[in-house]
Amino acid sequence: MLGTLELALRLAISRRSRDLRVFVIFVVVFLVGAMQLGFIGLGRMGLNMVTRLALSVGWA
């Protein structure tokens, strides 16, 4: 999970668009918060979706 979080933060930092960076950080924080509140399945599924999206777009 930390690898996925690190990947999301790296691609957020590497992007030039500030709006996109803020959006990615918001999504990651939301998913991590969901995992801590007990929605572990939802959080992992969401992080996997974000990672797949990043790879398919070519950010990583």
N, C-alpha and C. Protein backbone atom coordinates (compact mmCIF):
# COMPACT_ATOMS: atom_id res chain seq x y z
N MET A 1 0.82 -1.20 0.00
CA MET A 1 0.00 0.00 0.00
C MET A 1 0.86 1.26 0.00
N LEU A 2 1.95 1.24 0.77
CA LEU A 2 2.83 2.40 0.80
C LEU A 2 3.47 2.63 -0.56
N GLY A 3 3.72 1.56 -1.30
CA GLY A 3 4.27 1.73 -2.64
C GLY A 3 3.31 2.47 -3.55
N THR A 4 2.04 2.14 -3.45
CA THR A 4 1.02 2.82 -4.25
C THR A 4 0.91 4.29 -3.84
N LEU A 5 0.94 4.54 -2.53
CA LEU A 5 0.88 5.92 -2.04
C LEU A 5 2.08 6.72 -2.52
N GLU A 6 3.26 6.09 -2.46
CA GLU A 6 4.47 6.77 -2.91
C GLU A 6 4.40 7.07 -4.40
N LEU A 7 3.90 6.10 -5.18
CA LEU A 7 3.76 6.31 -6.61
C LEU A 7 2.82 7.48 -6.90
N ALA A 8 1.70 7.52 -6.19
CA ALA A 8 0.74 8.61 -6.40
C ALA A 8 1.35 9.96 -6.04
N LEU A 9 2.09 10.00 -4.95
CA LEU A 9 2.70 11.27 -4.56
C LEU A 9 3.79 11.68 -5.55
N ARG A 10 4.57 10.71 -6.04
CA ARG A 10 5.62 11.04 -7.01
C ARG A 10 5.02 11.58 -8.30
N LEU A 11 3.97 10.95 -8.79
CA LEU A 11 3.41 11.44 -10.04
C LEU A 11 2.70 12.76 -9.83
N ALA A 12 2.17 12.99 -8.61
CA ALA A 12 1.56 14.29 -8.33
C ALA A 12 2.63 15.39 -8.33
N ILE A 13 3.79 15.08 -7.76
CA ILE A 13 4.87 16.07 -7.70
C ILE A 13 5.46 16.31 -9.09
N SER A 14 5.53 15.26 -9.90
CA SER A 14 6.18 15.38 -11.20
C SER A 14 5.31 16.12 -12.22
N ARG A 15 4.02 16.17 -11.98
CA ARG A 15 3.14 16.87 -12.93
C ARG A 15 3.29 18.38 -12.79
N ARG A 16 3.18 19.08 -13.89
CA ARG A 16 3.30 20.54 -13.85
C ARG A 16 2.00 21.20 -13.45
N SER A 17 0.90 20.57 -13.76
CA SER A 17 -0.41 21.18 -13.50
C SER A 17 -0.72 21.15 -12.01
N ARG A 18 -0.88 22.31 -11.43
CA ARG A 18 -1.15 22.40 -9.99
C ARG A 18 -2.51 21.82 -9.65
N ASP A 19 -3.50 22.07 -10.50
CA ASP A 19 -4.85 21.56 -10.23
C ASP A 19 -4.85 20.04 -10.19
N LEU A 20 -4.16 19.42 -11.12
CA LEU A 20 -4.10 17.96 -11.17
C LEU A 20 -3.39 17.42 -9.94
N ARG A 21 -2.34 18.08 -9.51
CA ARG A 21 -1.60 17.65 -8.33
C ARG A 21 -2.51 17.70 -7.10
N VAL A 22 -3.24 18.78 -6.95
CA VAL A 22 -4.15 18.92 -5.81
C VAL A 22 -5.21 17.83 -5.86
N PHE A 23 -5.74 17.54 -7.03
CA PHE A 23 -6.77 16.51 -7.18
C PHE A 23 -6.23 15.13 -6.80
N VAL A 24 -5.04 14.80 -7.27
CA VAL A 24 -4.47 13.48 -6.97
C VAL A 24 -4.23 13.35 -5.48
N ILE A 25 -3.69 14.38 -4.85
CA ILE A 25 -3.43 14.32 -3.41
C ILE A 25 -4.74 14.17 -2.65
N PHE A 26 -5.78 14.89 -3.08
CA PHE A 26 -7.09 14.77 -2.43
C PHE A 26 -7.63 13.35 -2.53
N VAL A 27 -7.53 12.76 -3.72
CA VAL A 27 -8.02 11.39 -3.91
C VAL A 27 -7.26 10.41 -3.01
N VAL A 28 -5.94 10.55 -2.96
CA VAL A 28 -5.13 9.64 -2.14
C VAL A 28 -5.48 9.80 -0.67
N VAL A 29 -5.60 11.03 -0.21
CA VAL A 29 -5.94 11.27 1.20
C VAL A 29 -7.32 10.69 1.52
N PHE A 30 -8.27 10.88 0.60
CA PHE A 30 -9.61 10.35 0.81
C PHE A 30 -9.59 8.82 0.91
N LEU A 31 -8.85 8.17 0.02
CA LEU A 31 -8.81 6.71 0.03
C LEU A 31 -8.11 6.18 1.27
N VAL A 32 -7.03 6.83 1.68
CA VAL A 32 -6.34 6.39 2.90
C VAL A 32 -7.24 6.60 4.11
N GLY A 33 -7.96 7.70 4.15
CA GLY A 33 -8.91 7.94 5.23
C GLY A 33 -10.01 6.90 5.26
N ALA A 34 -10.48 6.50 4.08
CA ALA A 34 -11.51 5.46 4.01
C ALA A 34 -10.98 4.15 4.55
N MET A 35 -9.72 3.84 4.26
CA MET A 35 -9.13 2.61 4.76
C MET A 35 -9.03 2.65 6.29
N GLN A 36 -8.64 3.79 6.84
CA GLN A 36 -8.49 3.91 8.29
C GLN A 36 -9.84 3.85 9.00
N LEU A 37 -10.90 4.26 8.33
CA LEU A 37 -12.22 4.23 8.95
C LEU A 37 -12.86 2.85 8.85
N GLY A 38 -12.20 1.92 8.20
CA GLY A 38 -12.70 0.56 8.14
C GLY A 38 -13.14 0.11 6.76
N PHE A 39 -13.15 1.02 5.81
CA PHE A 39 -13.53 0.64 4.45
C PHE A 39 -12.28 0.19 3.70
N ILE A 40 -11.66 -0.87 4.23
CA ILE A 40 -10.37 -1.32 3.70
C ILE A 40 -10.52 -1.78 2.25
N GLY A 41 -11.59 -2.51 1.95
CA GLY A 41 -11.80 -2.97 0.58
C GLY A 41 -11.96 -1.81 -0.38
N LEU A 42 -12.74 -0.81 0.02
CA LEU A 42 -12.96 0.36 -0.81
C LEU A 42 -11.66 1.12 -1.04
N GLY A 43 -10.87 1.28 0.03
CA GLY A 43 -9.61 2.01 -0.09
C GLY A 43 -8.64 1.31 -1.01
N ARG A 44 -8.50 0.00 -0.85
CA ARG A 44 -7.56 -0.74 -1.71
C ARG A 44 -8.02 -0.75 -3.15
N MET A 45 -9.32 -0.93 -3.36
CA MET A 45 -9.83 -0.93 -4.72
C MET A 45 -9.59 0.44 -5.37
N GLY A 46 -9.83 1.50 -4.61
CA GLY A 46 -9.63 2.85 -5.14
C GLY A 46 -8.17 3.13 -5.46
N LEU A 47 -7.28 2.72 -4.56
CA LEU A 47 -5.85 2.94 -4.82
C LEU A 47 -5.39 2.15 -6.03
N ASN A 48 -5.90 0.93 -6.18
CA ASN A 48 -5.54 0.13 -7.36
C ASN A 48 -6.05 0.80 -8.63
N MET A 49 -7.27 1.35 -8.58
CA MET A 49 -7.82 2.04 -9.75
C MET A 49 -6.98 3.26 -10.10
N VAL A 50 -6.57 4.04 -9.07
CA VAL A 50 -5.75 5.23 -9.32
C VAL A 50 -4.42 4.83 -9.95
N THR A 51 -3.83 3.76 -9.44
CA THR A 51 -2.54 3.31 -9.98
C THR A 51 -2.69 2.85 -11.42
N ARG A 52 -3.73 2.09 -11.71
CA ARG A 52 -3.95 1.63 -13.09
C ARG A 52 -4.19 2.81 -14.02
N LEU A 53 -4.95 3.78 -13.55
CA LEU A 53 -5.21 4.97 -14.37
C LEU A 53 -3.92 5.71 -14.66
N ALA A 54 -3.08 5.86 -13.62
CA ALA A 54 -1.81 6.56 -13.81
C ALA A 54 -0.93 5.82 -14.81
N LEU A 55 -0.89 4.51 -14.72
CA LEU A 55 -0.05 3.73 -15.65
C LEU A 55 -0.61 3.79 -17.06
N SER A 56 -1.94 3.76 -17.19
CA SER A 56 -2.53 3.77 -18.53
C SER A 56 -2.35 5.13 -19.21
N VAL A 57 -2.36 6.20 -18.42
CA VAL A 57 -2.16 7.53 -19.00
C VAL A 57 -0.69 7.77 -19.31
N GLY A 58 0.18 7.05 -18.62
CA GLY A 58 1.61 7.18 -18.87
C GLY A 58 2.31 8.13 -17.93
N TRP A 59 1.73 8.39 -16.76
CA TRP A 59 2.37 9.29 -15.80
C TRP A 59 3.54 8.60 -15.11
N ALA A 60 3.45 7.28 -14.97
CA ALA A 60 4.47 6.58 -14.19
C ALA A 60 5.43 5.85 -15.12
